[in-house]
Amino acid sequence: MHDLPSLKVALTKTRALSINGRLTRLVPQLNLGGSPNWLFTSGKPNRYNPSGLKCVYFAETTLVAQIEYEQQWRGLPGANQPVTIFHAEVSLKEVVDLTDLDTLKILGLTEKDLFENWRTSGLPAMTQMLGQAVCETKWFSAIRYPSIAAKGIGKSGNNIVIFEDCLDNKDYVRILGPNDGVLAKWPL
């Protein structure tokens, strides 16, 4: 059984991945308001964060972002609402890569653990504990993990969850606007 202390110990043995490039996010257009906060963190629990952690989720490709968004809204009244697609240019020097089999082995995790329904698994879910361990140790700034939504339709792809409080001067997240102008950034 995993617990927070054992995950922290395992993280000391984990090799980091560096990610440099563009990531994509889709959000309901109505959530943006008049002056959008492109790096809004609700503090609500999600797959890799328990309540209260400041993080933002992105996909590695626009296709995976679209698949994730459609899966999230499938069957709900807002499924056909207007959508905003935006991109982030990132440089993340220390990322836990859950798509790497050696990393999974070091952490004592399986694909089943990653795809477990965090909403019904009991709180906190194992993936949420991992996110909390990453945040508390601050050794990594993000987690890369396989897309459950993409796998569900026979495709592959990955997502990244970036923890605001774990970014340091080696890292950045820049939301890109027209002509690649920066609309928002972490760290500030």
Foldseek 3Di string as FASTA:
>chain_A
DDDLVLLLVLVVVADFDKDFFKWKAKDFPVVQPDQGDPQDAPQPDDQQAHRRFRKDKTWRDPVLNVLVLQVVCPPHPCNPGDMDMWMKGKTWGGEQEPVDPVSCVSSVHDVCLSLPDCVPPDPRRPNNSNNVSCLVVLPGFKYKDWRPSQVVVPHTTIMIMGGQNSDDPRIKIFIADPVRDGSDMPPD
